[in-house]
Amino acid sequence: MVAGTGSMSTCKTLDLEVVKKKRIEAIRGQILSKLRMAKEPESEIDDDGQKIPDSLLSLYNSTVELSEEMKLNTVPLQAEDEDYFGKEVHKFVIRQGKNLEVSSF
């Protein structure tokens, strides 16, 4: 009886690849509408790959070099922590009427 009902089914099988492609197209359309663009911008690609200005490359390289130097010249954390925290604790007794308060700074 179960085999007979399987052949009578009118539901189509769901192709997940088609659903995935439709979803990507919908998202692409939403992004373009947010950017107020009718179509995707054309990329500027040469035979060598993407064209990046020399000034931008030199700025990137100098930034990488500076960050590597800073990693080598870091001060241990323990010394910074000792300078940050106070060395002494002072307690002051403040009396107001009948209430007794103890404050520390």
PDB file of N, CA and C in Angstrom:
ATOM      1  N   MET A   1       0.820  -1.183   0.000  1.00  0.00           N
ATOM      2  CA  MET A   1       0.000   0.000   0.000  1.00  0.00           C
ATOM      3  C   MET A   1       0.873   1.260   0.000  1.00  0.00           C
ATOM      4  N   VAL A   2       2.001   1.237   0.746  1.00  0.00           N
ATOM      5  CA  VAL A   2       2.875   2.401   0.818  1.00  0.00           C
ATOM      6  C   VAL A   2       3.522   2.660  -0.539  1.00  0.00           C
ATOM      7  N   ALA A   3       3.916   1.631  -1.256  1.00  0.00           N
ATOM      8  CA  ALA A   3       4.544   1.797  -2.564  1.00  0.00           C
ATOM      9  C   ALA A   3       3.577   2.432  -3.548  1.00  0.00           C
ATOM     10  N   GLY A   4       2.308   2.146  -3.424  1.00  0.00           N
ATOM     11  CA  GLY A   4       1.315   2.698  -4.329  1.00  0.00           C
ATOM     12  C   GLY A   4       1.095   4.180  -4.109  1.00  0.00           C
ATOM     13  N   THR A   5       1.207   4.667  -2.879  1.00  0.00           N
ATOM     14  CA  THR A   5       0.995   6.085  -2.608  1.00  0.00           C
ATOM     15  C   THR A   5       2.177   6.923  -3.075  1.00  0.00           C
ATOM     16  N   GLY A   6       3.373   6.353  -3.124  1.00  0.00           N
ATOM     17  CA  GLY A   6       4.546   7.093  -3.583  1.00  0.00           C
ATOM     18  C   GLY A   6       4.432   7.460  -5.046  1.00  0.00           C
ATOM     19  N   SER A   7       3.846   6.615  -5.856  1.00  0.00           N
ATOM     20  CA  SER A   7       3.735   6.911  -7.276  1.00  0.00           C
ATOM     21  C   SER A   7       2.617   7.900  -7.562  1.00  0.00           C
ATOM     22  N   MET A   8       1.691   8.084  -6.632  1.00  0.00           N
ATOM     23  CA  MET A   8       0.575   8.994  -6.838  1.00  0.00           C
ATOM     24  C   MET A   8       0.885  10.415  -6.352  1.00  0.00           C
ATOM     25  N   SER A   9       2.042  10.638  -5.797  1.00  0.00           N
ATOM     26  CA  SER A   9       2.392  11.946  -5.275  1.00  0.00           C
ATOM     27  C   SER A   9       2.553  12.958  -6.412  1.00  0.00           C
ATOM     28  N   THR A  10       2.027  14.158  -6.218  1.00  0.00           N
ATOM     29  CA  THR A  10       2.117  15.201  -7.242  1.00  0.00           C
ATOM     30  C   THR A  10       3.151  16.266  -6.868  1.00  0.00           C
ATOM     31  N   CYS A  11       3.848  16.106  -5.755  1.00  0.00           N
ATOM     32  CA  CYS A  11       4.851  17.083  -5.330  1.00  0.00           C
ATOM     33  C   CYS A  11       6.118  16.934  -6.162  1.00  0.00           C
ATOM     34  N   LYS A  12       6.680  18.052  -6.554  1.00  0.00           N
ATOM     35  CA  LYS A  12       7.935  18.030  -7.304  1.00  0.00           C
ATOM     36  C   LYS A  12       9.096  17.975  -6.319  1.00  0.00           C
ATOM     37  N   THR A  13      10.184  17.392  -6.741  1.00  0.00           N
ATOM     38  CA  THR A  13      11.363  17.359  -5.877  1.00  0.00           C
ATOM     39  C   THR A  13      12.004  18.745  -5.871  1.00  0.00           C
ATOM     40  N   LEU A  14      12.601  19.093  -4.755  1.00  0.00           N
ATOM     41  CA  LEU A  14      13.189  20.414  -4.573  1.00  0.00           C
ATOM     42  C   LEU A  14      14.671  20.353  -4.906  1.00  0.00           C
ATOM     43  N   ASP A  15      15.082  21.159  -5.877  1.00  0.00           N
ATOM     44  CA  ASP A  15      16.493  21.218  -6.249  1.00  0.00           C
ATOM     45  C   ASP A  15      17.149  22.325  -5.433  1.00  0.00           C
ATOM     46  N   LEU A  16      18.011  21.959  -4.485  1.00  0.00           N
ATOM     47  CA  LEU A  16      18.609  22.922  -3.572  1.00  0.00           C
ATOM     48  C   LEU A  16      19.571  23.876  -4.280  1.00  0.00           C
ATOM     49  N   GLU A  17      20.202  23.430  -5.347  1.00  0.00           N
ATOM     50  CA  GLU A  17      21.108  24.309  -6.085  1.00  0.00           C
ATOM     51  C   GLU A  17      20.349  25.458  -6.738  1.00  0.00           C
ATOM     52  N   VAL A  18      19.166  25.180  -7.271  1.00  0.00           N
ATOM     53  CA  VAL A  18      18.353  26.224  -7.887  1.00  0.00           C
ATOM     54  C   VAL A  18      17.883  27.209  -6.821  1.00  0.00           C
ATOM     55  N   VAL A  19      17.488  26.708  -5.672  1.00  0.00           N
ATOM     56  CA  VAL A  19      17.047  27.572  -4.577  1.00  0.00           C
ATOM     57  C   VAL A  19      18.198  28.458  -4.120  1.00  0.00           C
ATOM     58  N   LYS A  20      19.400  27.896  -4.028  1.00  0.00           N
ATOM     59  CA  LYS A  20      20.574  28.650  -3.603  1.00  0.00           C
ATOM     60  C   LYS A  20      20.887  29.768  -4.600  1.00  0.00           C
ATOM     61  N   LYS A  21      20.825  29.460  -5.889  1.00  0.00           N
ATOM     62  CA  LYS A  21      21.100  30.469  -6.914  1.00  0.00           C
ATOM     63  C   LYS A  21      20.058  31.576  -6.889  1.00  0.00           C
ATOM     64  N   LYS A  22      18.788  31.218  -6.704  1.00  0.00           N
ATOM     65  CA  LYS A  22      17.716  32.222  -6.637  1.00  0.00           C
ATOM     66  C   LYS A  22      17.917  33.140  -5.433  1.00  0.00           C
ATOM     67  N   ARG A  23      18.323  32.569  -4.314  1.00  0.00           N
ATOM     68  CA  ARG A  23      18.552  33.359  -3.101  1.00  0.00           C
ATOM     69  C   ARG A  23      19.708  34.332  -3.298  1.00  0.00           C
ATOM     70  N   ILE A  24      20.784  33.871  -3.925  1.00  0.00           N
ATOM     71  CA  ILE A  24      21.928  34.732  -4.191  1.00  0.00           C
ATOM     72  C   ILE A  24      21.528  35.880  -5.111  1.00  0.00           C
ATOM     73  N   GLU A  25      20.740  35.589  -6.131  1.00  0.00           N
ATOM     74  CA  GLU A  25      20.274  36.635  -7.046  1.00  0.00           C
ATOM     75  C   GLU A  25      19.393  37.645  -6.319  1.00  0.00           C
ATOM     76  N   ALA A  26      18.553  37.185  -5.412  1.00  0.00           N
ATOM     77  CA  ALA A  26      17.682  38.084  -4.661  1.00  0.00           C
ATOM     78  C   ALA A  26      18.510  38.997  -3.758  1.00  0.00           C
ATOM     79  N   ILE A  27      19.512  38.438  -3.106  1.00  0.00           N
ATOM     80  CA  ILE A  27      20.373  39.232  -2.237  1.00  0.00           C
ATOM     81  C   ILE A  27      21.164  40.245  -3.059  1.00  0.00           C
ATOM     82  N   ARG A  28      21.670  39.831  -4.207  1.00  0.00           N
ATOM     83  CA  ARG A  28      22.402  40.729  -5.096  1.00  0.00           C
ATOM     84  C   ARG A  28      21.505  41.895  -5.521  1.00  0.00           C
ATOM     85  N   GLY A  29      20.257  41.595  -5.843  1.00  0.00           N
ATOM     86  CA  GLY A  29      19.305  42.637  -6.229  1.00  0.00           C
ATOM     87  C   GLY A  29      19.027  43.601  -5.084  1.00  0.00           C
ATOM     88  N   GLN A  30      18.925  43.086  -3.857  1.00  0.00           N
ATOM     89  CA  GLN A  30      18.697  43.942  -2.694  1.00  0.00           C
ATOM     90  C   GLN A  30      19.887  44.876  -2.452  1.00  0.00           C
ATOM     91  N   ILE A  31      21.092  44.344  -2.600  1.00  0.00           N
ATOM     92  CA  ILE A  31      22.295  45.165  -2.404  1.00  0.00           C
ATOM     93  C   ILE A  31      22.347  46.265  -3.453  1.00  0.00           C
ATOM     94  N   LEU A  32      22.086  45.912  -4.707  1.00  0.00           N
ATOM     95  CA  LEU A  32      22.111  46.918  -5.770  1.00  0.00           C
ATOM     96  C   LEU A  32      21.054  47.992  -5.549  1.00  0.00           C
ATOM     97  N   SER A  33      19.879  47.599  -5.074  1.00  0.00           N
ATOM     98  CA  SER A  33      18.831  48.593  -4.833  1.00  0.00           C
ATOM     99  C   SER A  33      19.200  49.507  -3.674  1.00  0.00           C
ATOM    100  N   LYS A  34      19.869  48.967  -2.637  1.00  0.00           N
ATOM    101  CA  LYS A  34      20.322  49.801  -1.527  1.00  0.00           C
ATOM    102  C   LYS A  34      21.368  50.815  -1.993  1.00  0.00           C
ATOM    103  N   LEU A  35      22.218  50.389  -2.924  1.00  0.00           N
ATOM    104  CA  LEU A  35      23.258  51.267  -3.461  1.00  0.00           C
ATOM    105  C   LEU A  35      22.724  52.169  -4.573  1.00  0.00           C
ATOM    106  N   ARG A  36      21.457  51.992  -4.912  1.00  0.00           N
ATOM    107  CA  ARG A  36      20.794  52.752  -5.981  1.00  0.00           C
ATOM    108  C   ARG A  36      21.527  52.602  -7.306  1.00  0.00           C
ATOM    109  N   MET A  37      21.834  51.358  -7.625  1.00  0.00           N
ATOM    110  CA  MET A  37      22.524  51.052  -8.880  1.00  0.00           C
ATOM    111  C   MET A  37      21.639  50.127  -9.704  1.00  0.00           C
ATOM    112  N   ALA A  38      21.640  50.338 -11.020  1.00  0.00           N
ATOM    113  CA  ALA A  38      20.835  49.510 -11.913  1.00  0.00           C
ATOM    114  C   ALA A  38      21.501  48.165 -12.185  1.00  0.00           C
ATOM    115  N   LYS A  39      22.843  48.176 -12.250  1.00  0.00           N
ATOM    116  CA  LYS A  39      23.565  46.926 -12.501  1.00  0.00           C
ATOM    117  C   LYS A  39      24.873  46.944 -11.735  1.00  0.00           C
ATOM    118  N   GLU A  40      25.555  45.820 -11.729  1.00  0.00           N
ATOM    119  CA  GLU A  40      26.820  45.710 -11.012  1.00  0.00           C
ATOM    120  C   GLU A  40      27.883  46.551 -11.710  1.00  0.00           C
ATOM    121  N   PRO A  41      28.772  47.188 -10.939  1.00  0.00           N
ATOM    122  CA  PRO A  41      29.845  47.952 -11.573  1.00  0.00           C
ATOM    123  C   PRO A  41      30.847  47.016 -12.236  1.00  0.00           C
ATOM    124  N   GLU A  42      31.451  47.532 -13.297  1.00  0.00           N
ATOM    125  CA  GLU A  42      32.458  46.727 -13.998  1.00  0.00           C
ATOM    126  C   GLU A  42      33.781  46.841 -13.263  1.00  0.00           C
ATOM    127  N   SER A  43      34.485  45.729 -13.143  1.00  0.00           N
ATOM    128  CA  SER A  43      35.765  45.742 -12.434  1.00  0.00           C
ATOM    129  C   SER A  43      36.879  46.164 -13.369  1.00  0.00           C
ATOM    130  N   GLU A  44      37.900  46.814 -12.796  1.00  0.00           N
ATOM    131  CA  GLU A  44      39.064  47.248 -13.554  1.00  0.00           C
ATOM    132  C   GLU A  44      40.186  46.243 -13.332  1.00  0.00           C
ATOM    133  N   ILE A  45      40.259  45.239 -14.168  1.00  0.00           N
ATOM    134  CA  ILE A  45      41.266  44.194 -14.011  1.00  0.00           C
ATOM    135  C   ILE A  45      42.150  44.168 -15.250  1.00  0.00           C
ATOM    136  N   ASP A  46      43.471  44.218 -15.005  1.00  0.00           N
ATOM    137  CA  ASP A  46      44.441  44.085 -16.091  1.00  0.00           C
ATOM    138  C   ASP A  46      44.863  42.625 -16.193  1.00  0.00           C
ATOM    139  N   ASP A  47      45.809  42.368 -17.085  1.00  0.00           N
ATOM    140  CA  ASP A  47      46.334  41.007 -17.217  1.00  0.00           C
ATOM    141  C   ASP A  47      47.105  40.597 -15.960  1.00  0.00           C
ATOM    142  N   ASP A  48      47.678  41.580 -15.246  1.00  0.00           N
ATOM    143  CA  ASP A  48      48.464  41.293 -14.049  1.00  0.00           C
ATOM    144  C   ASP A  48      47.595  41.065 -12.822  1.00  0.00           C
ATOM    145  N   GLY A  49      46.323  41.317 -12.887  1.00  0.00           N
ATOM    146  CA  GLY A  49      45.445  41.226 -11.729  1.00  0.00           C
ATOM    147  C   GLY A  49      44.830  42.586 -11.481  1.00  0.00           C
ATOM    148  N   GLN A  50      44.483  42.857 -10.236  1.00  0.00           N
ATOM    149  CA  GLN A  50      43.865  44.132  -9.917  1.00  0.00           C
ATOM    150  C   GLN A  50      44.901  45.251  -9.949  1.00  0.00           C
ATOM    151  N   LYS A  51      44.442  46.412 -10.373  1.00  0.00           N
ATOM    152  CA  LYS A  51      45.324  47.567 -10.473  1.00  0.00           C
ATOM    153  C   LYS A  51      45.258  48.352  -9.163  1.00  0.00           C
ATOM    154  N   ILE A  52      46.390  48.368  -8.412  1.00  0.00           N
ATOM    155  CA  ILE A  52      46.467  49.068  -7.135  1.00  0.00           C
ATOM    156  C   ILE A  52      47.506  50.173  -7.284  1.00  0.00           C
ATOM    157  N   PRO A  53      47.158  51.402  -6.909  1.00  0.00           N
ATOM    158  CA  PRO A  53      48.121  52.507  -7.039  1.00  0.00           C
ATOM    159  C   PRO A  53      49.376  52.268  -6.209  1.00  0.00           C
ATOM    160  N   ASP A  54      50.510  52.763  -6.731  1.00  0.00           N
ATOM    161  CA  ASP A  54      51.792  52.575  -6.045  1.00  0.00           C
ATOM    162  C   ASP A  54      51.821  53.276  -4.694  1.00  0.00           C
ATOM    163  N   SER A  55      51.176  54.442  -4.586  1.00  0.00           N
ATOM    164  CA  SER A  55      51.171  55.162  -3.313  1.00  0.00           C
ATOM    165  C   SER A  55      50.446  54.358  -2.239  1.00  0.00           C
ATOM    166  N   LEU A  56      49.370  53.670  -2.630  1.00  0.00           N
ATOM    167  CA  LEU A  56      48.630  52.856  -1.678  1.00  0.00           C
ATOM    168  C   LEU A  56      49.446  51.644  -1.248  1.00  0.00           C
ATOM    169  N   LEU A  57      50.174  51.032  -2.185  1.00  0.00           N
ATOM    170  CA  LEU A  57      51.032  49.897  -1.841  1.00  0.00           C
ATOM    171  C   LEU A  57      52.148  50.312  -0.883  1.00  0.00           C
ATOM    172  N   SER A  58      52.769  51.473  -1.130  1.00  0.00           N
ATOM    173  CA  SER A  58      53.853  51.916  -0.250  1.00  0.00           C
ATOM    174  C   SER A  58      53.325  52.246   1.143  1.00  0.00           C
ATOM    175  N   LEU A  59      52.128  52.837   1.220  1.00  0.00           N
ATOM    176  CA  LEU A  59      51.522  53.119   2.515  1.00  0.00           C
ATOM    177  C   LEU A  59      51.235  51.825   3.273  1.00  0.00           C
ATOM    178  N   TYR A  60      50.714  50.815   2.579  1.00  0.00           N
ATOM    179  CA  TYR A  60      50.434  49.527   3.204  1.00  0.00           C
ATOM    180  C   TYR A  60      51.728  48.886   3.710  1.00  0.00           C
ATOM    181  N   ASN A  61      52.768  48.892   2.877  1.00  0.00           N
ATOM    182  CA  ASN A  61      54.032  48.274   3.267  1.00  0.00           C
ATOM    183  C   ASN A  61      54.644  48.976   4.482  1.00  0.00           C
ATOM    184  N   SER A  62      54.579  50.314   4.514  1.00  0.00           N
ATOM    185  CA  SER A  62      55.143  51.024   5.659  1.00  0.00           C
ATOM    186  C   SER A  62      54.339  50.750   6.933  1.00  0.00           C
ATOM    187  N   THR A  63      53.030  50.594   6.785  1.00  0.00           N
ATOM    188  CA  THR A  63      52.196  50.275   7.944  1.00  0.00           C
ATOM    189  C   THR A  63      52.524  48.891   8.489  1.00  0.00           C
ATOM    190  N   VAL A  64      52.730  47.935   7.604  1.00  0.00           N
ATOM    191  CA  VAL A  64      53.091  46.575   8.034  1.00  0.00           C
ATOM    192  C   VAL A  64      54.435  46.586   8.739  1.00  0.00           C
ATOM    193  N   GLU A  65      55.402  47.308   8.189  1.00  0.00           N
ATOM    194  CA  GLU A  65      56.718  47.382   8.818  1.00  0.00           C
ATOM    195  C   GLU A  65      56.637  48.033  10.192  1.00  0.00           C
ATOM    196  N   LEU A  66      55.866  49.103  10.315  1.00  0.00           N
ATOM    197  CA  LEU A  66      55.718  49.786  11.594  1.00  0.00           C
ATOM    198  C   LEU A  66      55.072  48.883  12.641  1.00  0.00           C
ATOM    199  N   SER A  67      54.059  48.119  12.242  1.00  0.00           N
ATOM    200  CA  SER A  67      53.406  47.224  13.197  1.00  0.00           C
ATOM    201  C   SER A  67      54.348  46.114  13.644  1.00  0.00           C
ATOM    202  N   GLU A  68      55.194  45.630  12.738  1.00  0.00           N
ATOM    203  CA  GLU A  68      56.171  44.603  13.127  1.00  0.00           C
ATOM    204  C   GLU A  68      57.196  45.163  14.095  1.00  0.00           C
ATOM    205  N   GLU A  69      57.637  46.416  13.882  1.00  0.00           N
ATOM    206  CA  GLU A  69      58.576  47.052  14.805  1.00  0.00           C
ATOM    207  C   GLU A  69      57.951  47.253  16.176  1.00  0.00           C
ATOM    208  N   MET A  70      56.679  47.638  16.200  1.00  0.00           N
ATOM    209  CA  MET A  70      56.001  47.852  17.473  1.00  0.00           C
ATOM    210  C   MET A  70      55.853  46.548  18.246  1.00  0.00           C
ATOM    211  N   LYS A  71      55.657  45.439  17.547  1.00  0.00           N
ATOM    212  CA  LYS A  71      55.570  44.144  18.228  1.00  0.00           C
ATOM    213  C   LYS A  71      56.894  43.792  18.896  1.00  0.00           C
ATOM    214  N   LEU A  72      58.002  44.128  18.239  1.00  0.00           N
ATOM    215  CA  LEU A  72      59.316  43.807  18.790  1.00  0.00           C
ATOM    216  C   LEU A  72      59.682  44.712  19.962  1.00  0.00           C
ATOM    217  N   ASN A  73      59.185  45.940  19.976  1.00  0.00           N
ATOM    218  CA  ASN A  73      59.562  46.914  20.996  1.00  0.00           C
ATOM    219  C   ASN A  73      58.521  47.066  22.096  1.00  0.00           C
ATOM    220  N   THR A  74      57.685  46.079  22.308  1.00  0.00           N
ATOM    221  CA  THR A  74      56.650  46.197  23.338  1.00  0.00           C
ATOM    222  C   THR A  74      57.255  46.081  24.727  1.00  0.00           C
ATOM    223  N   VAL A  75      56.693  46.841  25.672  1.00  0.00           N
ATOM    224  CA  VAL A  75      57.111  46.818  27.073  1.00  0.00           C
ATOM    225  C   VAL A  75      56.309  45.719  27.773  1.00  0.00           C
ATOM    226  N   PRO A  76      56.916  44.964  28.666  1.00  0.00           N
ATOM    227  CA  PRO A  76      56.151  43.939  29.370  1.00  0.00           C
ATOM    228  C   PRO A  76      54.959  44.539  30.097  1.00  0.00           C
ATOM    229  N   LEU A  77      53.875  43.806  30.151  1.00  0.00           N
ATOM    230  CA  LEU A  77      52.635  44.283  30.756  1.00  0.00           C
ATOM    231  C   LEU A  77      52.782  44.540  32.242  1.00  0.00           C
ATOM    232  N   GLN A  78      53.626  43.813  32.907  1.00  0.00           N
ATOM    233  CA  GLN A  78      53.759  43.930  34.352  1.00  0.00           C
ATOM    234  C   GLN A  78      54.225  45.339  34.736  1.00  0.00           C
ATOM    235  N   ALA A  79      55.152  45.915  34.001  1.00  0.00           N
ATOM    236  CA  ALA A  79      55.659  47.240  34.307  1.00  0.00           C
ATOM    237  C   ALA A  79      54.567  48.291  34.128  1.00  0.00           C
ATOM    238  N   GLU A  80      53.749  48.166  33.098  1.00  0.00           N
ATOM    239  CA  GLU A  80      52.661  49.106  32.870  1.00  0.00           C
ATOM    240  C   GLU A  80      51.627  49.013  33.987  1.00  0.00           C
ATOM    241  N   ASP A  81      51.304  47.812  34.440  1.00  0.00           N
ATOM    242  CA  ASP A  81      50.312  47.631  35.501  1.00  0.00           C
ATOM    243  C   ASP A  81      50.785  48.250  36.812  1.00  0.00           C
ATOM    244  N   GLU A  82      52.065  48.131  37.142  1.00  0.00           N
ATOM    245  CA  GLU A  82      52.583  48.674  38.384  1.00  0.00           C
ATOM    246  C   GLU A  82      52.512  50.192  38.384  1.00  0.00           C
ATOM    247  N   ASP A  83      52.745  50.826  37.257  1.00  0.00           N
ATOM    248  CA  ASP A  83      52.682  52.284  37.183  1.00  0.00           C
ATOM    249  C   ASP A  83      51.249  52.780  37.242  1.00  0.00           C
ATOM    250  N   TYR A  84      50.318  51.982  36.793  1.00  0.00           N
ATOM    251  CA  TYR A  84      48.925  52.412  36.724  1.00  0.00           C
ATOM    252  C   TYR A  84      48.263  52.445  38.096  1.00  0.00           C
ATOM    253  N   PHE A  85      48.445  51.416  38.877  1.00  0.00           N
ATOM    254  CA  PHE A  85      47.760  51.312  40.159  1.00  0.00           C
ATOM    255  C   PHE A  85      48.471  52.137  41.225  1.00  0.00           C
ATOM    256  N   GLY A  86      47.691  52.621  42.183  1.00  0.00           N
ATOM    257  CA  GLY A  86      48.239  53.422  43.274  1.00  0.00           C
ATOM    258  C   GLY A  86      49.113  52.584  44.185  1.00  0.00           C
ATOM    259  N   LYS A  87      50.044  53.248  44.865  1.00  0.00           N
ATOM    260  CA  LYS A  87      50.970  52.537  45.741  1.00  0.00           C
ATOM    261  C   LYS A  87      50.455  52.460  47.176  1.00  0.00           C
ATOM    262  N   GLU A  88      49.631  53.424  47.618  1.00  0.00           N
ATOM    263  CA  GLU A  88      49.168  53.463  48.995  1.00  0.00           C
ATOM    264  C   GLU A  88      47.657  53.596  49.036  1.00  0.00           C
ATOM    265  N   VAL A  89      47.074  53.103  50.113  1.00  0.00           N
ATOM    266  CA  VAL A  89      45.635  53.229  50.325  1.00  0.00           C
ATOM    267  C   VAL A  89      45.437  54.080  51.566  1.00  0.00           C
ATOM    268  N   HIS A  90      44.654  55.135  51.457  1.00  0.00           N
ATOM    269  CA  HIS A  90      44.362  56.018  52.582  1.00  0.00           C
ATOM    270  C   HIS A  90      42.906  55.842  52.983  1.00  0.00           C
ATOM    271  N   LYS A  91      42.658  55.726  54.285  1.00  0.00           N
ATOM    272  CA  LYS A  91      41.292  55.615  54.786  1.00  0.00           C
ATOM    273  C   LYS A  91      40.958  56.857  55.585  1.00  0.00           C
ATOM    274  N   PHE A  92      39.770  57.379  55.350  1.00  0.00           N
ATOM    275  CA  PHE A  92      39.307  58.562  56.050  1.00  0.00           C
ATOM    276  C   PHE A  92      37.994  58.220  56.731  1.00  0.00           C
ATOM    277  N   VAL A  93      37.857  58.597  57.984  1.00  0.00           N
ATOM    278  CA  VAL A  93      36.617  58.392  58.717  1.00  0.00           C
ATOM    279  C   VAL A  93      35.870  59.715  58.694  1.00  0.00           C
ATOM    280  N   ILE A  94      34.670  59.693  58.144  1.00  0.00           N
ATOM    281  CA  ILE A  94      33.860  60.895  58.029  1.00  0.00           C
ATOM    282  C   ILE A  94      32.649  60.705  58.923  1.00  0.00           C
ATOM    283  N   ARG A  95      32.442  61.629  59.852  1.00  0.00           N
ATOM    284  CA  ARG A  95      31.314  61.524  60.770  1.00  0.00           C
ATOM    285  C   ARG A  95      30.303  62.607  60.410  1.00  0.00           C
ATOM    286  N   GLN A  96      29.066  62.164  60.216  1.00  0.00           N
ATOM    287  CA  GLN A  96      27.984  63.091  59.929  1.00  0.00           C
ATOM    288  C   GLN A  96      26.857  62.778  60.893  1.00  0.00           C
ATOM    289  N   GLY A  97      26.643  63.602  61.864  1.00  0.00           N
ATOM    290  CA  GLY A  97      25.580  63.366  62.833  1.00  0.00           C
ATOM    291  C   GLY A  97      25.780  62.052  63.548  1.00  0.00           C
ATOM    292  N   LYS A  98      24.764  61.201  63.494  1.00  0.00           N
ATOM    293  CA  LYS A  98      24.821  59.903  64.167  1.00  0.00           C
ATOM    294  C   LYS A  98      25.372  58.810  63.253  1.00  0.00           C
ATOM    295  N   ASN A  99      25.389  59.036  61.946  1.00  0.00           N
ATOM    296  CA  ASN A  99      25.854  58.029  60.987  1.00  0.00           C
ATOM    297  C   ASN A  99      27.378  58.009  60.951  1.00  0.00           C
ATOM    298  N   LEU A 100      27.923  56.831  60.801  1.00  0.00           N
ATOM    299  CA  LEU A 100      29.358  56.657  60.692  1.00  0.00           C
ATOM    300  C   LEU A 100      29.654  56.052  59.335  1.00  0.00           C
ATOM    301  N   GLU A 101      30.466  56.735  58.531  1.00  0.00           N
ATOM    302  CA  GLU A 101      30.836  56.233  57.209  1.00  0.00           C
ATOM    303  C   GLU A 101      32.337  56.075  57.130  1.00  0.00           C
ATOM    304  N   VAL A 102      32.774  55.029  56.454  1.00  0.00           N
ATOM    305  CA  VAL A 102      34.204  54.817  56.231  1.00  0.00           C
ATOM    306  C   VAL A 102      34.398  54.791  54.716  1.00  0.00           C
ATOM    307  N   SER A 103      35.276  55.665  54.252  1.00  0.00           N
ATOM    308  CA  SER A 103      35.548  55.750  52.821  1.00  0.00           C
ATOM    309  C   SER A 103      37.025  55.508  52.602  1.00  0.00           C
ATOM    310  N   SER A 104      37.351  54.881  51.486  1.00  0.00           N
ATOM    311  CA  SER A 104      38.758  54.695  51.138  1.00  0.00           C
ATOM    312  C   SER A 104      38.979  55.196  49.720  1.00  0.00           C
ATOM    313  N   PHE A 105      40.109  55.790  49.495  1.00  0.00           N
ATOM    314  CA  PHE A 105      40.459  56.333  48.185  1.00  0.00           C
ATOM    315  C   PHE A 105      41.740  55.730  47.709  1.00  0.00           C
TER     316      PHE A 105
END
